[in-house]
Protein backbone atom coordinates (compact mmCIF):
# COMPACT_ATOMS: atom_id res chain seq x y z
CA MET A 1 236.08 8.87 291.04
CA THR A 2 234.18 5.82 291.81
CA VAL A 3 233.23 2.82 289.02
CA ARG A 4 229.86 1.75 288.47
CA TRP A 5 229.25 -2.01 287.89
CA PHE A 6 226.45 -3.44 286.30
CA GLY A 7 224.66 0.19 287.22
CA ARG A 8 225.15 -0.23 290.94
CA ARG A 9 226.10 2.16 293.20
CA ARG A 10 228.12 1.28 296.56
CA LYS A 11 226.07 0.83 299.81
CA GLN A 12 227.86 3.62 302.19
CA ARG A 13 227.85 2.29 305.82
CA ALA A 14 227.27 4.68 308.94
CA GLU A 15 229.58 2.35 311.22
CA PRO A 16 231.86 -0.66 310.94
CA ILE A 17 230.37 -4.14 310.36
CA GLY A 18 231.15 -6.70 313.50
CA GLU A 19 232.89 -10.06 312.87
CA ALA A 20 230.01 -12.40 312.86
CA GLU A 21 228.31 -10.12 309.85
CA ALA A 22 231.51 -10.25 308.10
CA TYR A 23 231.51 -13.75 308.04
CA GLU A 24 227.59 -13.67 306.83
CA HIS A 25 228.74 -11.55 304.33
CA SER A 26 231.39 -13.90 302.97
CA TYR A 27 230.34 -17.11 303.65
CA GLY A 28 226.83 -17.17 304.65
CA ASP A 29 225.12 -18.18 307.56
CA LEU A 30 226.90 -19.04 310.75
CA ASN A 31 227.02 -23.24 311.27
CA ALA A 32 227.72 -24.80 314.36
CA ASP A 33 231.26 -25.67 312.93
CA VAL A 34 232.20 -22.05 313.57
CA LYS A 35 232.25 -19.81 316.73
CA VAL A 36 232.74 -16.38 317.30
CA ILE A 37 234.76 -15.49 320.65
CA LYS A 38 235.37 -11.98 321.68
CA LEU A 39 239.04 -12.56 323.13
CA PRO A 40 240.08 -10.78 326.41
CA PRO A 41 242.08 -7.54 326.29
CA ARG A 42 246.07 -7.89 325.65
CA ARG A 43 248.17 -7.99 328.79
CA PRO A 44 250.17 -4.62 328.72
CA ARG A 45 253.93 -5.35 327.47
CA ASP A 46 256.77 -5.24 329.89
CA ARG A 47 259.61 -2.79 329.12
CA ASP A 48 262.28 -4.76 330.61
CA VAL A 49 261.27 -7.54 328.57
CA LEU A 50 261.44 -5.03 325.15
CA GLU A 51 264.32 -3.18 326.40
CA ARG A 52 266.37 -6.77 326.71
CA GLY A 53 265.13 -7.71 323.23
CA GLU A 54 266.54 -4.91 321.67
CA VAL A 55 269.84 -5.21 323.08
CA VAL A 56 269.89 -8.88 321.84
CA ARG A 57 268.65 -7.59 318.40
CA ARG A 58 271.73 -5.35 317.82
CA ALA A 59 274.05 -7.60 319.63
CA PHE A 60 272.85 -9.75 316.58
CA LEU A 61 273.46 -7.04 314.01
CA GLU A 62 276.86 -6.15 314.95
CA ARG A 63 277.58 -9.72 314.87
CA LEU A 64 276.24 -10.13 311.14
CA GLU A 65 278.63 -7.00 309.88
CA ARG A 66 281.96 -8.74 311.50
CA ARG A 67 280.72 -11.45 310.03
CA ARG A 68 281.01 -9.58 306.80
CA GLY A 69 283.84 -7.63 307.55
CA ASN A 70 285.92 -10.47 307.70
CA ALA A 71 284.76 -12.41 304.86
CA GLY A 72 286.69 -12.62 302.22
CA PRO A 73 286.08 -11.63 298.42
CA PRO A 74 283.25 -14.22 297.28
CA GLY A 75 285.16 -17.31 294.97
CA ASP A 76 288.10 -18.03 297.35
């Protein structure tokens, strides 16, 4: 169910708007302080780096678990 505010219906767009148009809708016209740029595509992630990061993460979690296991009851 769509709620009407002041008797208006929401406009339906056929396609999404771009960054420049979204900025204009939010803040007004672009000025000299704002420049919209297109970033280059991200480079592919290195599988070896991801796997090593996962090994480090698991080792850290194991160390935390050991620390919790060796800790005495609170208040000692």
